Amino acid sequence: MKRLIDLFKNKYFLVSLAFVVWMVFFDKNDLLSQYQYHQEVSKLKQERDFYKLQTAKVSQDLDELTSNPEKLEKFAREKYLMRKDNEDVFVIVKEKAQ
């Protein structure tokens, strides 16, 4: 017990303890903030990976459309409902299941 009292009387221990408490709870970079920053970084990395995949997919589609006229025609017919002069286009819309 005397050893514990001597430890709390030591000015270096008190200063170190105060510093640790300050850094953990009161500093602008406390543990809670660090956890939130880590969560935000993880979320942003997931978004970055998603957008990289989407960019690669769009680039591949663009390469196919510019190099292959048949793909270009198929894309125009499906996405923009373009048609030739002598044909009709029927759009079938599926209802959402409830």
N, C-alpha and C. Protein backbone atom coordinates (compact mmCIF):
# COMPACT_ATOMS: atom_id res chain seq x y z
N MET A 1 0.82 -1.18 0.00
CA MET A 1 0.00 0.00 0.00
C MET A 1 0.87 1.26 0.00
N LYS A 2 1.95 1.21 0.75
CA LYS A 2 2.86 2.35 0.79
C LYS A 2 3.48 2.60 -0.57
N ARG A 3 3.72 1.52 -1.29
CA ARG A 3 4.32 1.66 -2.62
C ARG A 3 3.36 2.38 -3.57
N LEU A 4 2.08 2.09 -3.46
CA LEU A 4 1.07 2.74 -4.30
C LEU A 4 0.95 4.22 -3.96
N ILE A 5 1.02 4.55 -2.67
CA ILE A 5 0.96 5.96 -2.25
C ILE A 5 2.20 6.70 -2.74
N ASP A 6 3.35 6.05 -2.64
CA ASP A 6 4.58 6.68 -3.15
C ASP A 6 4.50 6.90 -4.66
N LEU A 7 3.85 5.98 -5.35
CA LEU A 7 3.71 6.12 -6.80
C LEU A 7 2.87 7.35 -7.13
N PHE A 8 1.79 7.57 -6.39
CA PHE A 8 0.93 8.72 -6.65
C PHE A 8 1.55 10.04 -6.17
N LYS A 9 2.54 9.98 -5.33
CA LYS A 9 3.25 11.19 -4.90
C LYS A 9 4.35 11.58 -5.87
N ASN A 10 4.73 10.67 -6.74
CA ASN A 10 5.80 10.92 -7.69
C ASN A 10 5.29 11.89 -8.76
N LYS A 11 5.99 13.04 -8.89
CA LYS A 11 5.53 14.07 -9.83
C LYS A 11 5.65 13.61 -11.29
N TYR A 12 6.60 12.78 -11.62
CA TYR A 12 6.75 12.29 -12.99
C TYR A 12 5.60 11.36 -13.37
N PHE A 13 5.20 10.53 -12.43
CA PHE A 13 4.07 9.65 -12.67
C PHE A 13 2.79 10.46 -12.85
N LEU A 14 2.57 11.46 -12.01
CA LEU A 14 1.36 12.29 -12.12
C LEU A 14 1.32 13.06 -13.44
N VAL A 15 2.45 13.60 -13.83
CA VAL A 15 2.51 14.33 -15.11
C VAL A 15 2.26 13.36 -16.27
N SER A 16 2.85 12.19 -16.21
CA SER A 16 2.64 11.19 -17.27
C SER A 16 1.18 10.74 -17.32
N LEU A 17 0.59 10.52 -16.15
CA LEU A 17 -0.81 10.12 -16.09
C LEU A 17 -1.72 11.23 -16.64
N ALA A 18 -1.44 12.46 -16.26
CA ALA A 18 -2.23 13.58 -16.77
C ALA A 18 -2.09 13.70 -18.29
N PHE A 19 -0.88 13.50 -18.79
CA PHE A 19 -0.65 13.55 -20.24
C PHE A 19 -1.44 12.47 -20.97
N VAL A 20 -1.41 11.26 -20.44
CA VAL A 20 -2.14 10.15 -21.07
C VAL A 20 -3.64 10.40 -21.04
N VAL A 21 -4.15 10.87 -19.91
CA VAL A 21 -5.58 11.17 -19.82
C VAL A 21 -5.95 12.27 -20.81
N TRP A 22 -5.13 13.30 -20.89
CA TRP A 22 -5.40 14.39 -21.83
C TRP A 22 -5.41 13.88 -23.27
N MET A 23 -4.44 13.08 -23.64
CA MET A 23 -4.34 12.59 -25.02
C MET A 23 -5.48 11.63 -25.36
N VAL A 24 -5.94 10.85 -24.41
CA VAL A 24 -6.97 9.86 -24.68
C VAL A 24 -8.36 10.49 -24.73
N PHE A 25 -8.64 11.47 -23.89
CA PHE A 25 -10.00 11.98 -23.78
C PHE A 25 -10.21 13.41 -24.27
N PHE A 26 -9.25 14.30 -24.10
CA PHE A 26 -9.50 15.72 -24.32
C PHE A 26 -8.84 16.32 -25.56
N ASP A 27 -7.86 15.69 -26.12
CA ASP A 27 -7.16 16.23 -27.28
C ASP A 27 -8.06 16.19 -28.51
N LYS A 28 -7.77 17.00 -29.52
CA LYS A 28 -8.61 16.99 -30.72
C LYS A 28 -8.44 15.68 -31.50
N ASN A 29 -7.39 14.95 -31.26
CA ASN A 29 -7.17 13.65 -31.89
C ASN A 29 -7.35 12.52 -30.88
N ASP A 30 -8.41 12.59 -30.09
CA ASP A 30 -8.64 11.57 -29.07
C ASP A 30 -9.04 10.24 -29.69
N LEU A 31 -9.25 9.24 -28.86
CA LEU A 31 -9.54 7.90 -29.36
C LEU A 31 -10.84 7.84 -30.16
N LEU A 32 -11.87 8.52 -29.72
CA LEU A 32 -13.14 8.52 -30.43
C LEU A 32 -12.98 9.13 -31.83
N SER A 33 -12.27 10.22 -31.91
CA SER A 33 -12.03 10.84 -33.21
C SER A 33 -11.23 9.91 -34.12
N GLN A 34 -10.22 9.26 -33.57
CA GLN A 34 -9.42 8.34 -34.37
C GLN A 34 -10.27 7.20 -34.89
N TYR A 35 -11.18 6.69 -34.08
CA TYR A 35 -12.07 5.61 -34.52
C TYR A 35 -12.98 6.10 -35.64
N GLN A 36 -13.53 7.29 -35.49
CA GLN A 36 -14.40 7.85 -36.54
C GLN A 36 -13.62 8.07 -37.83
N TYR A 37 -12.40 8.56 -37.73
CA TYR A 37 -11.57 8.76 -38.92
C TYR A 37 -11.29 7.42 -39.61
N HIS A 38 -11.03 6.41 -38.82
CA HIS A 38 -10.77 5.09 -39.38
C HIS A 38 -12.01 4.56 -40.12
N GLN A 39 -13.18 4.73 -39.54
CA GLN A 39 -14.42 4.30 -40.18
C GLN A 39 -14.64 5.05 -41.49
N GLU A 40 -14.38 6.35 -41.49
CA GLU A 40 -14.56 7.15 -42.69
C GLU A 40 -13.58 6.73 -43.79
N VAL A 41 -12.36 6.46 -43.41
CA VAL A 41 -11.36 6.01 -44.38
C VAL A 41 -11.78 4.67 -44.99
N SER A 42 -12.29 3.77 -44.17
CA SER A 42 -12.74 2.47 -44.68
C SER A 42 -13.89 2.65 -45.66
N LYS A 43 -14.82 3.51 -45.32
CA LYS A 43 -15.95 3.77 -46.21
C LYS A 43 -15.48 4.37 -47.54
N LEU A 44 -14.56 5.31 -47.46
CA LEU A 44 -14.05 5.95 -48.68
C LEU A 44 -13.26 4.97 -49.55
N LYS A 45 -12.55 4.04 -48.92
CA LYS A 45 -11.83 3.02 -49.70
C LYS A 45 -12.80 2.11 -50.44
N GLN A 46 -13.91 1.76 -49.78
CA GLN A 46 -14.92 0.94 -50.45
C GLN A 46 -15.53 1.68 -51.63
N GLU A 47 -15.82 2.95 -51.44
CA GLU A 47 -16.36 3.76 -52.54
C GLU A 47 -15.36 3.88 -53.67
N ARG A 48 -14.08 4.06 -53.32
CA ARG A 48 -13.03 4.15 -54.35
C ARG A 48 -12.98 2.87 -55.17
N ASP A 49 -13.02 1.72 -54.51
CA ASP A 49 -12.98 0.44 -55.22
C ASP A 49 -14.20 0.28 -56.12
N PHE A 50 -15.37 0.67 -55.62
CA PHE A 50 -16.60 0.59 -56.42
C PHE A 50 -16.48 1.45 -57.67
N TYR A 51 -16.01 2.68 -57.51
CA TYR A 51 -15.91 3.58 -58.66
C TYR A 51 -14.81 3.15 -59.63
N LYS A 52 -13.76 2.53 -59.14
CA LYS A 52 -12.74 2.00 -60.04
C LYS A 52 -13.33 0.90 -60.92
N LEU A 53 -14.13 0.00 -60.30
CA LEU A 53 -14.77 -1.06 -61.08
C LEU A 53 -15.73 -0.48 -62.11
N GLN A 54 -16.51 0.52 -61.70
CA GLN A 54 -17.45 1.14 -62.63
C GLN A 54 -16.72 1.83 -63.77
N THR A 55 -15.62 2.49 -63.48
CA THR A 55 -14.84 3.16 -64.51
C THR A 55 -14.26 2.16 -65.50
N ALA A 56 -13.76 1.04 -64.99
CA ALA A 56 -13.22 0.01 -65.87
C ALA A 56 -14.32 -0.57 -66.77
N LYS A 57 -15.50 -0.77 -66.20
CA LYS A 57 -16.62 -1.31 -66.97
C LYS A 57 -17.05 -0.34 -68.07
N VAL A 58 -17.14 0.93 -67.73
CA VAL A 58 -17.55 1.93 -68.71
C VAL A 58 -16.49 2.08 -69.80
N SER A 59 -15.22 2.01 -69.42
CA SER A 59 -14.15 2.09 -70.41
C SER A 59 -14.20 0.92 -71.38
N GLN A 60 -14.47 -0.26 -70.85
CA GLN A 60 -14.59 -1.44 -71.71
C GLN A 60 -15.78 -1.29 -72.66
N ASP A 61 -16.91 -0.83 -72.14
CA ASP A 61 -18.08 -0.61 -72.99
C ASP A 61 -17.78 0.42 -74.09
N LEU A 62 -17.08 1.48 -73.72
CA LEU A 62 -16.73 2.51 -74.70
C LEU A 62 -15.83 1.95 -75.79
N ASP A 63 -14.86 1.15 -75.40
CA ASP A 63 -13.97 0.53 -76.40
C ASP A 63 -14.76 -0.37 -77.35
N GLU A 64 -15.69 -1.15 -76.80
CA GLU A 64 -16.51 -2.03 -77.64
C GLU A 64 -17.40 -1.22 -78.58
N LEU A 65 -17.96 -0.14 -78.07
CA LEU A 65 -18.87 0.66 -78.90
C LEU A 65 -18.13 1.39 -80.01
N THR A 66 -16.93 1.85 -79.76
CA THR A 66 -16.19 2.57 -80.79
C THR A 66 -15.56 1.63 -81.81
N SER A 67 -15.34 0.39 -81.45
CA SER A 67 -14.67 -0.52 -82.37
C SER A 67 -15.63 -1.44 -83.13
N ASN A 68 -16.84 -1.64 -82.64
CA ASN A 68 -17.75 -2.59 -83.24
C ASN A 68 -19.09 -1.90 -83.56
N PRO A 69 -19.40 -1.69 -84.85
CA PRO A 69 -20.66 -1.01 -85.21
C PRO A 69 -21.90 -1.81 -84.80
N GLU A 70 -21.81 -3.13 -84.78
CA GLU A 70 -22.97 -3.94 -84.37
C GLU A 70 -23.29 -3.71 -82.89
N LYS A 71 -22.27 -3.61 -82.06
CA LYS A 71 -22.48 -3.33 -80.64
C LYS A 71 -23.07 -1.93 -80.46
N LEU A 72 -22.61 -0.99 -81.29
CA LEU A 72 -23.13 0.37 -81.21
C LEU A 72 -24.62 0.40 -81.54
N GLU A 73 -25.02 -0.33 -82.57
CA GLU A 73 -26.43 -0.39 -82.94
C GLU A 73 -27.25 -1.05 -81.83
N LYS A 74 -26.75 -2.13 -81.27
CA LYS A 74 -27.45 -2.82 -80.19
C LYS A 74 -27.61 -1.89 -78.98
N PHE A 75 -26.55 -1.18 -78.66
CA PHE A 75 -26.59 -0.25 -77.52
C PHE A 75 -27.62 0.86 -77.77
N ALA A 76 -27.63 1.42 -78.97
CA ALA A 76 -28.58 2.49 -79.28
C ALA A 76 -30.01 1.99 -79.24
N ARG A 77 -30.24 0.80 -79.70
CA ARG A 77 -31.60 0.24 -79.68
C ARG A 77 -32.07 -0.04 -78.25
N GLU A 78 -31.19 -0.59 -77.41
CA GLU A 78 -31.58 -0.96 -76.05
C GLU A 78 -31.69 0.24 -75.12
N LYS A 79 -30.73 1.11 -75.16
CA LYS A 79 -30.69 2.21 -74.19
C LYS A 79 -31.54 3.41 -74.61
N TYR A 80 -31.54 3.74 -75.88
CA TYR A 80 -32.21 4.96 -76.33
C TYR A 80 -33.45 4.68 -77.19
N LEU A 81 -33.83 3.41 -77.28
CA LEU A 81 -35.03 3.00 -78.02
C LEU A 81 -35.04 3.52 -79.46
N MET A 82 -33.89 3.54 -80.08
CA MET A 82 -33.81 3.96 -81.48
C MET A 82 -34.30 2.83 -82.36
N ARG A 83 -34.81 3.21 -83.52
CA ARG A 83 -35.35 2.20 -84.42
C ARG A 83 -35.10 2.62 -85.86
N LYS A 84 -35.26 1.65 -86.73
CA LYS A 84 -35.18 1.94 -88.16
C LYS A 84 -36.53 2.47 -88.62
N ASP A 85 -36.57 3.01 -89.84
CA ASP A 85 -37.79 3.64 -90.34
C ASP A 85 -38.95 2.66 -90.48
N ASN A 86 -38.67 1.43 -90.82
CA ASN A 86 -39.74 0.49 -91.12
C ASN A 86 -40.07 -0.47 -89.97
N GLU A 87 -39.73 -0.13 -88.73
CA GLU A 87 -40.04 -1.04 -87.64
C GLU A 87 -40.65 -0.29 -86.45
N ASP A 88 -41.37 -1.05 -85.63
CA ASP A 88 -41.99 -0.50 -84.44
C ASP A 88 -41.24 -1.03 -83.21
N VAL A 89 -41.25 -0.24 -82.14
CA VAL A 89 -40.58 -0.62 -80.91
C VAL A 89 -41.64 -0.78 -79.82
N PHE A 90 -41.61 -1.92 -79.16
CA PHE A 90 -42.50 -2.18 -78.05
C PHE A 90 -41.66 -2.28 -76.78
N VAL A 91 -42.01 -1.49 -75.80
CA VAL A 91 -41.27 -1.50 -74.53
C VAL A 91 -42.11 -2.25 -73.50
N ILE A 92 -41.50 -3.28 -72.91
CA ILE A 92 -42.18 -4.09 -71.90
C ILE A 92 -41.59 -3.72 -70.55
N VAL A 93 -42.46 -3.22 -69.68
CA VAL A 93 -42.02 -2.81 -68.35
C VAL A 93 -42.57 -3.82 -67.35
N LYS A 94 -41.68 -4.43 -66.60
CA LYS A 94 -42.10 -5.40 -65.59
C LYS A 94 -42.49 -4.66 -64.32
N GLU A 95 -43.59 -5.08 -63.71
CA GLU A 95 -44.04 -4.47 -62.47
C GLU A 95 -43.21 -5.03 -61.31
N LYS A 96 -43.01 -4.19 -60.32
CA LYS A 96 -42.26 -4.63 -59.16
C LYS A 96 -43.14 -5.51 -58.29
N ALA A 97 -42.55 -6.59 -57.80
CA ALA A 97 -43.30 -7.50 -56.91
C ALA A 97 -43.43 -6.86 -55.54
N GLN A 98 -44.63 -6.93 -54.98
CA GLN A 98 -44.85 -6.32 -53.67
C GLN A 98 -45.16 -7.37 -52.64
